[in-house]
Protein backbone atom coordinates (compact mmCIF):
# COMPACT_ATOMS: atom_id res chain seq x y z
CA MET A 1 -0.15 0.06 0.25
CA THR A 2 1.37 3.50 -0.77
CA LYS A 3 2.17 5.14 2.10
CA ALA A 4 1.72 8.87 2.18
CA ASP A 5 3.88 11.94 1.97
CA THR A 6 2.14 14.44 4.21
CA VAL A 7 -0.72 13.87 6.04
CA LEU A 8 -3.66 16.58 7.09
CA LEU A 9 -5.53 16.13 10.35
CA ASN A 10 -7.74 18.03 12.99
CA GLY A 11 -9.69 20.11 10.91
CA ARG A 12 -12.27 20.28 7.67
CA ILE A 13 -11.14 19.32 4.33
CA PHE A 14 -13.57 20.78 1.62
CA CYS A 15 -13.22 18.61 -0.90
CA GLY A 16 -15.37 20.33 -4.12
CA LEU A 17 -18.73 21.26 -4.19
CA ALA A 18 -19.86 17.58 -5.02
CA ASP A 19 -17.22 16.17 -2.68
CA GLY A 20 -18.05 17.38 0.29
CA PHE A 21 -15.87 17.32 3.87
CA ALA A 22 -13.46 15.27 4.79
CA GLU A 23 -12.08 14.70 8.06
CA ALA A 24 -8.28 14.29 7.24
CA LEU A 25 -6.43 14.08 3.47
CA ALA A 26 -3.59 12.22 2.48
CA ILE A 27 -1.26 13.57 -0.04
CA ALA A 28 1.40 11.21 -2.08
CA ASP A 29 3.99 12.11 -5.32
CA GLY A 30 2.38 15.74 -5.15
CA LYS A 31 -1.31 14.55 -5.34
CA VAL A 32 -4.37 13.68 -3.02
CA LEU A 33 -3.60 9.87 -2.31
CA ALA A 34 -6.99 9.51 -0.48
CA ALA A 35 -9.26 12.48 1.72
CA GLY A 36 -12.02 10.30 4.24
CA SER A 37 -12.12 10.35 8.35
CA ALA A 38 -9.65 10.15 10.70
CA THR A 39 -9.19 6.74 10.65
CA GLU A 40 -8.64 5.85 7.44
CA ILE A 41 -6.31 8.40 6.31
CA ALA A 42 -4.17 7.01 9.83
CA ALA A 43 -3.91 3.84 7.92
CA LEU A 44 -1.66 5.27 5.19
CA GLN A 45 0.78 7.24 7.02
CA GLY A 46 4.34 5.57 7.52
CA PRO A 47 6.94 6.38 9.84
CA GLY A 48 8.06 9.48 7.04
CA THR A 49 4.96 11.09 6.80
CA LYS A 50 5.12 14.68 7.53
CA VAL A 51 1.80 15.74 10.01
CA VAL A 52 -0.18 19.31 9.06
CA ASP A 53 -2.22 19.67 12.01
CA LEU A 54 -4.92 21.74 10.82
CA ALA A 55 -5.98 22.41 14.53
CA GLY A 56 -9.48 23.32 13.76
CA ARG A 57 -8.70 25.38 10.66
CA VAL A 58 -10.08 24.55 7.01
CA ALA A 59 -8.45 23.40 4.07
CA ILE A 60 -9.69 24.02 0.47
CA PRO A 61 -8.46 23.35 -3.31
CA GLY A 62 -5.95 26.10 -3.54
CA LEU A 63 -7.95 29.09 -5.21
CA ASN A 64 -7.43 29.76 -9.05
CA ASP A 65 -7.60 33.94 -10.30
CA ALA A 66 -8.81 32.95 -13.10
CA HIS A 67 -8.63 36.19 -14.39
CA MET A 68 -6.55 38.67 -13.41
CA HIS A 69 -2.49 40.16 -14.80
CA LEU A 70 0.11 38.79 -12.64
CA LEU A 71 2.93 40.51 -14.62
CA PRO A 72 2.11 43.81 -14.63
CA LEU A 73 0.88 43.35 -10.88
CA GLY A 74 4.30 42.83 -9.77
CA LEU A 75 5.39 46.17 -12.22
CA GLY A 76 2.80 48.14 -10.78
CA MET A 77 4.16 46.72 -7.11
CA SER A 78 7.22 49.04 -7.81
CA GLU A 79 4.27 52.40 -8.56
CA VAL A 80 2.31 54.86 -6.88
CA ASN A 81 -0.14 52.84 -5.24
CA LEU A 82 -3.25 55.19 -5.63
CA ARG A 83 -5.98 53.24 -4.32
CA PRO A 84 -8.94 54.52 -1.83
CA GLU A 85 -8.06 51.75 0.55
CA GLU A 86 -4.43 52.85 0.50
CA GLY A 87 -5.83 56.80 2.02
CA VAL A 88 -5.62 58.36 -1.03
CA ASN A 89 -9.16 59.78 -1.26
CA SER A 90 -8.43 63.47 -2.44
CA ILE A 91 -6.56 64.84 -5.33
CA ASP A 92 -4.50 66.88 -3.12
CA GLU A 93 -3.07 62.89 -1.38
CA ALA A 94 -2.86 61.90 -5.07
CA LEU A 95 -0.88 64.43 -5.96
CA ARG A 96 1.31 64.47 -2.92
CA ARG A 97 2.20 61.07 -3.26
CA ILE A 98 3.44 61.97 -6.73
CA ALA A 99 5.25 64.56 -5.97
CA VAL A 100 6.80 62.42 -3.44
CA ALA A 101 7.64 59.93 -5.93
CA ALA A 102 8.77 62.41 -8.87
CA ARG A 103 11.50 63.76 -5.98
CA GLY A 104 13.28 60.76 -6.36
CA LYS A 105 13.73 60.49 -9.87
CA LYS A 106 15.98 61.74 -12.33
CA PRO A 107 14.76 64.41 -14.90
CA GLY A 108 12.53 62.82 -17.81
CA GLU A 109 12.28 59.80 -15.70
CA TRP A 110 8.91 58.82 -15.85
CA VAL A 111 6.33 58.65 -12.62
CA LEU A 112 4.06 55.66 -12.96
CA GLY A 113 1.36 55.58 -10.34
CA ARG A 114 -2.16 53.12 -10.34
CA GLY A 115 -5.30 52.17 -8.67
CA TYR A 116 -7.05 55.82 -8.38
CA ASP A 117 -10.83 56.54 -8.40
CA HIS A 118 -12.24 59.84 -8.72
CA ASN A 119 -15.75 58.68 -7.79
CA GLU A 120 -13.94 58.17 -4.24
CA PHE A 121 -11.69 61.41 -4.32
CA ALA A 122 -13.56 64.27 -2.15
CA GLU A 123 -13.70 66.43 -5.37
CA LEU A 124 -15.27 63.51 -7.85
CA ARG A 125 -13.11 64.33 -10.36
CA HIS A 126 -10.14 63.03 -12.59
CA PRO A 127 -6.76 65.05 -11.75
CA THR A 128 -5.55 67.37 -14.72
CA ALA A 129 -2.47 67.47 -16.69
CA GLU A 130 -2.45 70.84 -15.12
CA GLU A 131 -2.10 69.23 -11.85
CA LEU A 132 0.14 66.96 -12.55
CA ASP A 133 2.87 69.40 -14.42
CA ARG A 134 2.86 71.99 -11.07
CA ILE A 135 4.05 68.79 -9.10
CA ALA A 136 6.43 67.54 -11.77
CA PRO A 137 7.45 69.77 -13.88
CA ASP A 138 10.68 67.73 -14.85
CA ASN A 139 9.54 64.66 -15.17
CA PRO A 140 6.83 62.97 -17.50
CA VAL A 141 4.16 61.75 -15.40
CA TYR A 142 0.80 58.97 -16.27
CA ILE A 143 -1.27 57.37 -13.67
CA LYS A 144 -3.84 54.97 -14.50
CA ARG A 145 -7.57 54.93 -12.70
CA THR A 146 -8.21 51.37 -11.17
CA CYS A 147 -10.32 50.27 -13.53
CA GLY A 148 -7.25 50.33 -15.96
CA HIS A 149 -9.52 51.64 -18.82
CA VAL A 150 -8.64 55.24 -18.13
CA GLY A 151 -5.77 57.32 -17.14
CA VAL A 152 -4.18 60.76 -16.70
CA VAL A 153 -0.90 62.04 -17.79
CA ASN A 154 1.12 65.63 -17.69
CA SER A 155 2.06 67.63 -20.58
CA ARG A 156 5.77 65.85 -20.41
CA ALA A 157 4.36 62.41 -20.97
CA MET A 158 2.08 63.49 -24.01
CA ALA A 159 4.72 65.66 -25.91
CA ALA A 160 6.54 62.19 -24.92
CA ALA A 161 4.15 60.33 -26.52
CA GLY A 162 3.48 62.95 -29.55
CA ILE A 163 0.02 64.02 -27.97
CA GLY A 164 -0.61 68.06 -29.47
CA HIS A 165 -3.51 70.23 -29.93
CA ASN A 166 -4.45 68.45 -32.82
CA THR A 167 -3.62 65.11 -32.39
CA PRO A 168 -7.08 63.27 -33.42
CA SER A 169 -8.45 60.43 -30.51
CA PRO A 170 -7.90 57.58 -31.87
CA ALA A 171 -10.41 54.75 -32.99
CA GLY A 172 -11.50 53.04 -29.66
CA GLY A 173 -10.03 55.46 -27.74
CA LEU A 174 -10.66 59.30 -26.28
CA ILE A 175 -8.01 62.50 -26.17
CA GLU A 176 -10.13 64.26 -24.11
CA ARG A 177 -10.55 68.55 -24.36
CA ARG A 178 -12.23 70.78 -22.69
CA ASP A 179 -13.09 74.33 -23.89
CA ASN A 180 -10.16 73.29 -26.64
CA LYS A 181 -7.50 72.48 -23.93
CA LEU A 182 -5.93 68.72 -23.37
CA THR A 183 -6.63 67.90 -19.61
CA GLY A 184 -4.33 65.15 -19.45
CA LEU A 185 -7.17 62.55 -19.44
CA LEU A 186 -6.96 59.56 -22.16
CA ALA A 187 -9.44 56.57 -22.20
CA GLU A 188 -8.85 53.16 -23.97
CA SER A 189 -6.90 53.06 -27.66
CA ALA A 190 -5.59 56.07 -26.61
CA MET A 191 -3.97 54.58 -23.47
CA ARG A 192 -1.00 52.92 -26.27
CA LEU A 193 0.31 56.34 -26.99
CA ILE A 194 1.56 56.79 -23.85
CA VAL A 195 2.48 52.53 -23.64
CA GLU A 196 4.37 52.95 -26.45
CA ALA A 197 6.20 55.91 -25.55
CA MET A 198 7.83 54.90 -22.38
CA PRO A 199 10.93 52.77 -21.39
CA GLN A 200 10.03 49.02 -21.58
CA PRO A 201 11.29 46.91 -18.82
CA SER A 202 13.88 44.05 -19.46
CA VAL A 203 13.46 40.48 -19.53
CA ALA A 204 15.38 40.38 -16.08
CA GLU A 205 12.68 43.26 -14.59
CA LEU A 206 9.41 41.47 -16.28
CA LYS A 207 10.85 37.93 -14.47
CA ALA A 208 11.04 40.00 -11.42
CA ALA A 209 7.79 41.22 -11.19
CA ILE A 210 6.49 37.27 -12.03
CA GLU A 211 8.23 36.05 -9.66
CA LYS A 212 7.26 38.76 -6.97
CA ALA A 213 3.44 38.41 -7.65
CA GLY A 214 3.90 34.96 -7.82
CA HIS A 215 4.92 34.50 -4.43
CA TYR A 216 2.71 37.23 -3.18
CA MET A 217 -0.90 35.41 -4.80
CA LEU A 218 0.71 32.12 -2.81
CA SER A 219 0.91 34.12 0.66
CA GLN A 220 -3.41 34.69 0.03
CA GLY A 221 -4.25 30.90 -0.97
CA PHE A 222 -3.93 30.93 -5.07
CA THR A 223 -2.36 28.04 -6.32
CA SER A 224 -3.48 28.95 -10.19
CA VAL A 225 -3.92 32.35 -12.14
CA MET A 226 -4.83 33.54 -15.45
CA ASP A 227 -2.93 36.23 -16.66
CA ALA A 228 -5.55 38.11 -18.98
CA GLY A 229 -3.38 39.69 -21.36
CA VAL A 230 0.24 38.74 -21.72
CA GLY A 231 1.91 40.94 -23.95
CA MET A 232 0.26 44.49 -23.39
CA THR A 233 3.40 46.01 -21.60
CA ALA A 234 6.25 44.72 -23.78
CA GLY A 235 5.18 42.25 -26.20
CA MET A 236 7.02 38.97 -27.00
CA ALA A 237 9.49 40.52 -24.23
CA GLU A 238 6.85 39.38 -21.39
CA ILE A 239 6.66 35.79 -22.99
CA ALA A 240 10.54 35.36 -22.62
CA ALA A 241 10.31 36.11 -19.26
CA TYR A 242 8.15 33.62 -18.65
CA GLU A 243 9.27 30.74 -20.35
CA GLU A 244 12.49 31.42 -18.58
CA VAL A 245 11.25 31.33 -15.22
CA ALA A 246 9.41 28.56 -16.23
CA ARG A 247 12.12 26.61 -17.60
CA THR A 248 13.83 27.32 -14.77
CA GLY A 249 11.37 26.17 -12.07
CA THR A 250 10.80 30.06 -10.41
CA LEU A 251 7.57 30.63 -11.56
CA PRO A 252 5.54 30.11 -8.33
CA VAL A 253 2.20 29.83 -9.47
CA ARG A 254 0.28 27.18 -12.11
CA THR A 255 -0.11 30.27 -14.81
CA TRP A 256 -2.60 29.63 -17.90
CA VAL A 257 -1.21 31.92 -20.62
CA CYS A 258 -3.50 34.45 -22.05
CA ILE A 259 -2.26 36.59 -25.23
CA TYR A 260 -2.88 39.72 -25.89
CA GLY A 261 -3.95 40.30 -29.91
CA ASN A 262 -5.46 43.31 -30.37
CA ALA A 263 -4.08 45.50 -33.62
CA ASP A 264 -1.37 46.24 -31.12
CA GLY A 265 -0.86 42.69 -29.78
CA ILE A 266 1.32 40.40 -29.95
CA GLY A 267 -1.73 37.90 -31.34
CA ASP A 268 -0.12 36.15 -34.68
CA GLU A 269 3.74 37.17 -34.07
CA ALA A 270 2.99 34.26 -31.07
CA HIS A 271 1.74 31.57 -33.07
CA ARG A 272 3.85 32.06 -35.54
CA ALA A 273 6.50 31.38 -33.08
CA GLY A 274 5.44 28.41 -31.35
CA TYR A 275 3.18 29.41 -28.40
CA ARG A 276 0.16 28.25 -29.19
CA PHE A 277 -2.54 26.47 -27.53
CA GLY A 278 -1.33 22.97 -25.44
CA ARG A 279 1.70 24.38 -25.10
CA GLU A 280 3.26 23.50 -21.73
CA VAL A 281 6.89 24.46 -19.84
CA GLY A 282 6.90 23.40 -16.14
CA LEU A 283 3.50 24.86 -14.56
CA LEU A 284 3.44 27.49 -17.51
CA ARG A 285 0.45 26.55 -20.17
CA TYR A 286 -0.92 28.28 -22.76
CA GLY A 287 -4.62 28.52 -24.27
CA ALA A 288 -6.11 31.55 -24.68
CA MET A 289 -6.27 34.97 -26.60
CA LYS A 290 -7.45 38.22 -25.92
CA VAL A 291 -8.67 41.39 -27.52
CA PHE A 292 -11.25 44.29 -26.03
CA GLY A 293 -14.31 45.40 -27.11
CA ASP A 294 -15.04 47.87 -24.84
CA GLY A 295 -14.03 49.59 -21.46
CA SER A 296 -15.16 49.35 -17.55
CA ALA A 297 -18.73 51.13 -16.36
CA GLY A 298 -16.86 52.64 -13.87
CA GLY A 299 -14.88 54.47 -16.85
CA LEU A 300 -18.27 55.32 -18.47
CA THR A 301 -16.35 53.60 -21.51
CA ALA A 302 -18.22 50.02 -21.34
CA ALA A 303 -20.12 49.66 -24.27
CA MET A 304 -24.16 49.85 -23.33
CA SER A 305 -26.97 49.72 -25.23
CA GLU A 306 -28.59 52.31 -22.76
CA PRO A 307 -27.24 55.64 -21.79
CA TYR A 308 -25.52 55.88 -18.95
CA LEU A 309 -27.32 58.29 -16.07
CA VAL A 310 -24.12 60.81 -15.73
CA GLY A 311 -22.09 63.08 -17.66
CA ASP A 312 -22.96 63.11 -21.01
CA PRO A 313 -26.27 62.18 -21.90
CA ASP A 314 -25.45 60.52 -24.57
CA ASN A 315 -22.56 58.22 -23.56
CA ARG A 316 -23.51 54.43 -24.17
CA GLY A 317 -19.79 54.08 -24.44
CA ILE A 318 -16.69 52.94 -26.25
CA PHE A 319 -16.78 50.16 -29.15
CA ILE A 320 -12.30 49.15 -29.48
CA TYR A 321 -13.59 48.14 -32.72
CA SER A 322 -15.90 47.24 -35.52
CA ASP A 323 -18.01 44.79 -35.85
CA ALA A 324 -16.82 43.75 -38.72
CA ASP A 325 -12.86 43.91 -37.74
CA MET A 326 -13.99 42.09 -33.88
CA HIS A 327 -16.06 39.31 -36.17
CA ARG A 328 -13.16 39.23 -38.27
CA TYR A 329 -10.32 38.62 -35.28
CA LEU A 330 -12.63 36.05 -33.30
CA ARG A 331 -12.95 34.10 -36.34
CA HIS A 332 -9.32 34.42 -37.27
CA TYR A 333 -8.18 33.56 -33.52
CA HIS A 334 -10.70 30.53 -33.12
CA GLU A 335 -9.44 29.17 -36.44
CA LEU A 336 -5.80 29.07 -35.05
CA GLY A 337 -6.61 27.11 -32.29
CA TYR A 338 -6.42 29.22 -29.67
CA GLN A 339 -9.49 29.59 -27.07
CA LEU A 340 -11.39 33.20 -27.28
CA ALA A 341 -11.27 35.21 -23.71
CA ILE A 342 -12.62 38.58 -24.58
CA HIS A 343 -13.17 41.65 -22.89
CA ALA A 344 -16.65 42.84 -23.06
CA ILE A 345 -18.62 44.29 -20.18
CA GLY A 346 -21.28 46.15 -21.08
CA ASP A 347 -24.45 44.19 -23.26
CA ALA A 348 -24.00 46.00 -26.37
CA ALA A 349 -20.15 44.93 -26.58
CA ILE A 350 -21.32 41.42 -25.36
CA GLU A 351 -23.96 41.22 -28.21
CA GLN A 352 -20.73 42.13 -30.72
CA VAL A 353 -18.66 39.99 -29.00
CA LEU A 354 -21.43 36.86 -28.94
CA SER A 355 -22.37 36.77 -31.99
CA GLY A 356 -18.84 36.96 -33.86
CA MET A 357 -18.41 33.52 -31.64
CA GLU A 358 -21.44 32.44 -33.14
CA LYS A 359 -21.10 33.65 -36.19
CA ALA A 360 -17.02 32.13 -36.13
CA ASP A 361 -18.74 28.57 -36.01
CA SER A 362 -18.74 26.11 -38.50
CA PRO A 363 -18.29 22.07 -38.83
CA GLU A 364 -14.29 22.79 -39.24
CA HIS A 365 -13.99 24.43 -36.47
CA PRO A 366 -17.06 23.97 -34.01
CA ILE A 367 -17.08 26.34 -31.47
CA LYS A 368 -18.61 23.77 -28.92
CA GLY A 369 -15.74 22.61 -26.46
CA ARG A 370 -13.58 25.45 -27.07
CA ARG A 371 -14.61 26.35 -23.77
CA HIS A 372 -14.78 30.24 -25.14
CA ARG A 373 -14.85 32.78 -22.48
CA ILE A 374 -16.25 36.58 -22.66
CA GLU A 375 -14.38 38.19 -19.60
CA HIS A 376 -16.03 40.05 -17.41
CA CYS A 377 -19.41 39.83 -19.33
CA GLY A 378 -20.88 42.11 -16.30
CA PHE A 379 -24.10 43.38 -17.88
CA LEU A 380 -25.20 40.72 -20.00
CA THR A 381 -29.03 40.45 -20.98
CA ASP A 382 -31.38 37.16 -19.85
CA GLY A 383 -31.49 36.32 -23.80
CA GLN A 384 -27.64 36.44 -23.88
CA LEU A 385 -27.20 34.24 -21.25
CA ALA A 386 -29.35 31.65 -23.21
CA ARG A 387 -27.18 31.63 -26.17
CA MET A 388 -24.01 31.05 -24.16
CA ALA A 389 -24.97 28.74 -22.17
CA ALA A 390 -26.32 26.82 -25.85
CA ALA A 391 -23.13 27.49 -27.08
CA GLY A 392 -20.82 26.69 -24.51
CA ILE A 393 -19.51 30.23 -24.07
CA ASP A 394 -18.60 30.61 -20.49
CA PRO A 395 -18.74 34.59 -18.70
CA LEU A 396 -15.29 35.53 -16.36
CA PRO A 397 -16.09 37.64 -13.92
CA GLN A 398 -15.45 39.64 -11.39
CA PRO A 399 -17.94 39.31 -8.09
CA ILE A 400 -15.49 41.58 -6.44
CA PHE A 401 -16.34 44.36 -8.94
CA ILE A 402 -19.67 44.60 -6.43
CA TYR A 403 -18.04 44.97 -3.49
CA GLU A 404 -15.49 47.54 -4.73
CA PHE A 405 -17.65 49.61 -7.38
CA GLY A 406 -20.90 48.55 -6.40
CA ASP A 407 -22.36 51.65 -5.57
CA LEU A 408 -20.60 53.25 -8.48
CA TYR A 409 -22.68 50.97 -11.10
CA VAL A 410 -25.61 52.00 -8.99
CA THR A 411 -25.08 56.10 -9.34
CA ASN A 412 -23.94 55.20 -13.35
CA LEU A 413 -26.27 53.23 -14.22
CA GLY A 414 -29.06 53.22 -11.59
CA GLN A 415 -30.19 50.34 -9.17
CA GLU A 416 -32.47 47.58 -11.64
CA ARG A 417 -29.11 47.62 -14.10
CA ALA A 418 -26.49 47.44 -10.94
CA ASP A 419 -28.86 44.95 -9.51
CA ALA A 420 -28.70 42.98 -12.94
CA SER A 421 -24.95 42.85 -13.13
CA TYR A 422 -22.40 39.33 -12.72
CA PRO A 423 -25.39 37.32 -12.17
CA MET A 424 -23.41 34.56 -10.32
CA ARG A 425 -26.73 32.26 -9.09
CA LYS A 426 -28.20 32.56 -12.88
CA TRP A 427 -25.00 31.45 -14.41
CA LEU A 428 -24.79 28.82 -12.10
CA ASP A 429 -28.03 27.70 -12.22
CA ALA A 430 -27.11 27.60 -16.07
CA GLY A 431 -24.82 24.93 -15.98
CA LEU A 432 -21.93 28.30 -17.07
CA HIS A 433 -18.54 27.99 -15.39
CA ALA A 434 -18.37 31.63 -14.16
CA ALA A 435 -15.33 31.19 -12.52
CA ALA A 436 -14.54 33.82 -9.88
CA SER A 437 -11.21 36.27 -10.15
CA SER A 438 -10.13 39.92 -9.12
CA ASP A 439 -8.61 41.15 -12.63
CA ALA A 440 -6.16 42.61 -10.20
CA PRO A 441 -4.42 45.31 -10.44
CA VAL A 442 -8.22 46.33 -11.21
CA CYS A 443 -9.03 45.06 -7.64
CA ALA A 444 -7.34 44.19 -4.90
CA THR A 445 -6.60 40.14 -5.55
CA ASP A 446 -8.18 39.48 -1.25
CA PRO A 447 -10.05 36.70 -2.58
CA PHE A 448 -12.14 36.69 1.19
CA LYS A 449 -13.37 39.92 0.12
CA ASN A 450 -14.49 38.16 -3.08
CA LEU A 451 -15.55 35.77 -1.46
CA PHE A 452 -17.64 38.04 0.57
CA SER A 453 -19.13 39.80 -1.98
CA MET A 454 -20.28 36.06 -4.14
CA VAL A 455 -21.84 35.44 -0.61
CA THR A 456 -23.76 38.60 0.45
CA ARG A 457 -24.10 40.89 -3.06
CA GLN A 458 -23.00 44.26 -0.26
CA THR A 459 -20.51 46.65 -1.37
CA LYS A 460 -17.79 48.15 0.85
CA ARG A 461 -20.36 50.59 2.08
CA GLY A 462 -22.63 47.56 2.91
CA THR A 463 -25.04 48.35 -0.08
CA VAL A 464 -26.93 44.94 -1.65
CA ILE A 465 -26.54 44.98 -5.07
CA GLY A 466 -29.00 41.91 -6.43
CA GLY A 467 -29.70 40.03 -3.61
CA ALA A 468 -30.85 36.99 -5.42
CA GLU A 469 -27.65 36.56 -6.89
CA ARG A 470 -25.97 35.36 -3.67
CA LEU A 471 -24.49 32.36 -3.81
CA THR A 472 -23.72 29.35 -0.73
CA MET A 473 -20.09 29.61 0.50
CA GLU A 474 -19.72 26.22 -0.78
CA GLU A 475 -20.74 27.49 -4.45
CA ALA A 476 -18.32 30.41 -4.12
CA VAL A 477 -15.52 28.49 -3.29
CA HIS A 478 -16.64 25.82 -5.92
CA ALA A 479 -16.31 29.41 -8.31
CA TYR A 480 -12.81 30.02 -7.12
CA THR A 481 -11.49 26.98 -7.36
CA ALA A 482 -13.29 23.77 -9.85
CA LEU A 483 -14.53 26.33 -11.89
CA GLY A 484 -11.17 28.37 -12.68
CA ALA A 485 -9.95 24.65 -13.24
CA TYR A 486 -12.51 23.99 -15.80
CA THR A 487 -11.47 27.16 -17.36
CA GLN A 488 -8.21 26.86 -18.39
CA PHE A 489 -8.66 22.96 -19.20
CA ALA A 490 -8.03 21.55 -15.94
CA GLU A 491 -10.28 19.81 -14.00
CA ASP A 492 -8.86 16.55 -14.13
CA ARG A 493 -5.73 17.85 -13.00
CA MET A 494 -7.07 20.54 -9.96
CA GLY A 495 -9.95 22.55 -8.31
CA ARG A 496 -10.71 19.03 -6.12
CA LEU A 497 -8.98 17.59 -3.14
CA VAL A 498 -9.52 14.24 -4.11
CA ALA A 499 -7.67 10.97 -5.45
CA GLY A 500 -5.70 11.95 -8.26
CA GLN A 501 -5.58 15.84 -8.48
CA PHE A 502 -3.09 18.13 -7.46
CA ALA A 503 -2.29 18.73 -3.85
CA ASP A 504 -2.70 22.37 -4.08
CA ILE A 505 -4.27 23.39 -1.05
CA ALA A 506 -4.81 26.73 1.10
CA VAL A 507 -4.83 26.17 4.84
CA LEU A 508 -7.22 29.29 6.73
CA SER A 509 -6.94 30.92 9.67
CA GLN A 510 -10.58 30.31 10.27
CA ASP A 511 -13.38 28.25 8.99
CA ILE A 512 -15.00 29.83 6.34
CA PHE A 513 -18.36 27.60 6.21
CA SER A 514 -18.71 28.47 9.80
CA ILE A 515 -18.32 31.87 11.33
CA PRO A 516 -19.88 35.05 10.97
CA VAL A 517 -19.57 36.17 7.14
CA GLU A 518 -18.94 39.21 7.92
CA ALA A 519 -14.74 38.10 9.56
CA LEU A 520 -14.39 37.44 5.94
CA GLU A 521 -13.93 41.23 5.51
CA ASN A 522 -11.10 41.65 7.33
CA GLU A 523 -10.09 38.64 9.96
CA VAL A 524 -9.81 35.62 7.68
CA ARG A 525 -5.98 34.85 6.37
CA CYS A 526 -4.65 32.12 4.96
CA ASP A 527 -1.81 30.27 7.04
CA LEU A 528 -0.61 27.64 4.63
CA THR A 529 -0.32 27.52 1.37
CA LEU A 530 0.28 23.71 -0.81
CA LEU A 531 1.16 23.54 -4.27
CA GLY A 532 1.94 19.52 -5.60
CA GLY A 533 1.71 18.95 -2.08
CA GLU A 534 5.12 20.79 -1.32
CA VAL A 535 4.76 23.91 1.39
CA VAL A 536 5.20 27.24 -0.68
CA PHE A 537 4.11 29.52 2.07
CA ASP A 538 3.71 29.21 5.96
CA ARG A 539 2.64 32.72 7.34
CA HIS A 540 3.67 31.42 11.60
CA GLY A 541 6.58 29.32 10.34
CA GLN A 542 4.11 26.23 11.95
CA LEU A 543 5.59 22.98 9.94
CA ALA A 544 9.22 24.18 10.13
CA ALA A 545 8.73 25.03 13.58
CA ALA A 546 7.34 21.69 14.29
CA ALA A 547 10.55 19.71 12.08
CA GLN A 548 12.62 21.43 15.03
């Protein structure tokens, strides 16, 4: 009889939605050997078996952030943090932090910031180029709104990008002017002008960012992620960085690569170079292709069939591409064999993308079984949901958007449209694989706030958004584990703690299935993370102490 390398005892093991709970778990050769009663698992212990004492805590399958941006998250860790929860609740505070960063730069060096939300500012507006010029006159400055679809730059940054008073807004983007004067605000495709003007990080810097962000994710209980747009910042150098960390064994988490395939992306180049669906190097697997359909609801750029309630009364958001161009991209990448992972938030953008996927269907290249995804898929109609279910096209939502942005959705769109957003209950009941994710660095990676959102549908201010879409805690964890595995063609490898699957495990500080749900917001942490049966994060040094 095979003996366990490691056993987990004295707690509860959540094995999966259909598998329920076990008292103990045995691991051998990096995989789950068995889950069962304490007596059953004790029979699998040998003289060399390590024991992890759960001490009443709960173990769950390793979490899977099925849509986030791992490499940009790592790069952003060295940028000015402008997120509201970090105390940036006014333009003055944002400017103060940018000024401090600028004083540490040489003239001409870029100052980058990320995460501000103008709706959280006391002034309820974006900063301006003029304000950024005043506090950093000798440096190009580029700060991005939390959604990543809107940003503000100063005059030096605009000059570096060749943006002048007569520069037209590009297709699918906006260079804002007021009173015939550049404000510094850029949206969607216009932001690429800045990205292309900035110095590109080296492969060494990209590798360091992947590793730093990956270890951060391990500390929160994540063992798998999708990087949803590899190539957006530094082109093919990003793939080179990923390949190297995967080959040398320094990639911290299992990573599903989604290649950036927009008009300015690397989709065709990556395909020619052999980075295709099914390629696997260590913990790295390739499969998806990303195209942007629209923007964000918080930034008023998600493409909607009905206008927003604030700002320009005719504003229905922005389409990045025409129907013809979008449908051409979808057919092209579908026929190249990639899983489609297409950004669409507003119902009008979802219609453009869904109809394009349907048109790409053919006897030679059927869409059934390809597990195409509509990323975010925030504001869809019931009819669109039914068509997705019929075609096997899954949504890839961020329930934490409700927590962080739900109150803004009510302001921008009204209560009824906000209530219908990100309908986790409807998706689950329809058999769709709505895998939970954070879209980090757009939102915090904190999995417990995401779980809180799925179970309560409450915003950070306590507003209930679409209470009928609540999930049970077991369903929420299922969305954060097994459903993510399915969307990455890995349901036979991971996502549940059953015999034969990877022993990817998160041990939590409290039993989230029995404590008051309010504790999820600030009290629960990941204490221990195992990847392939090996401890890769130990918050309290528990196992090291036990070995002494």
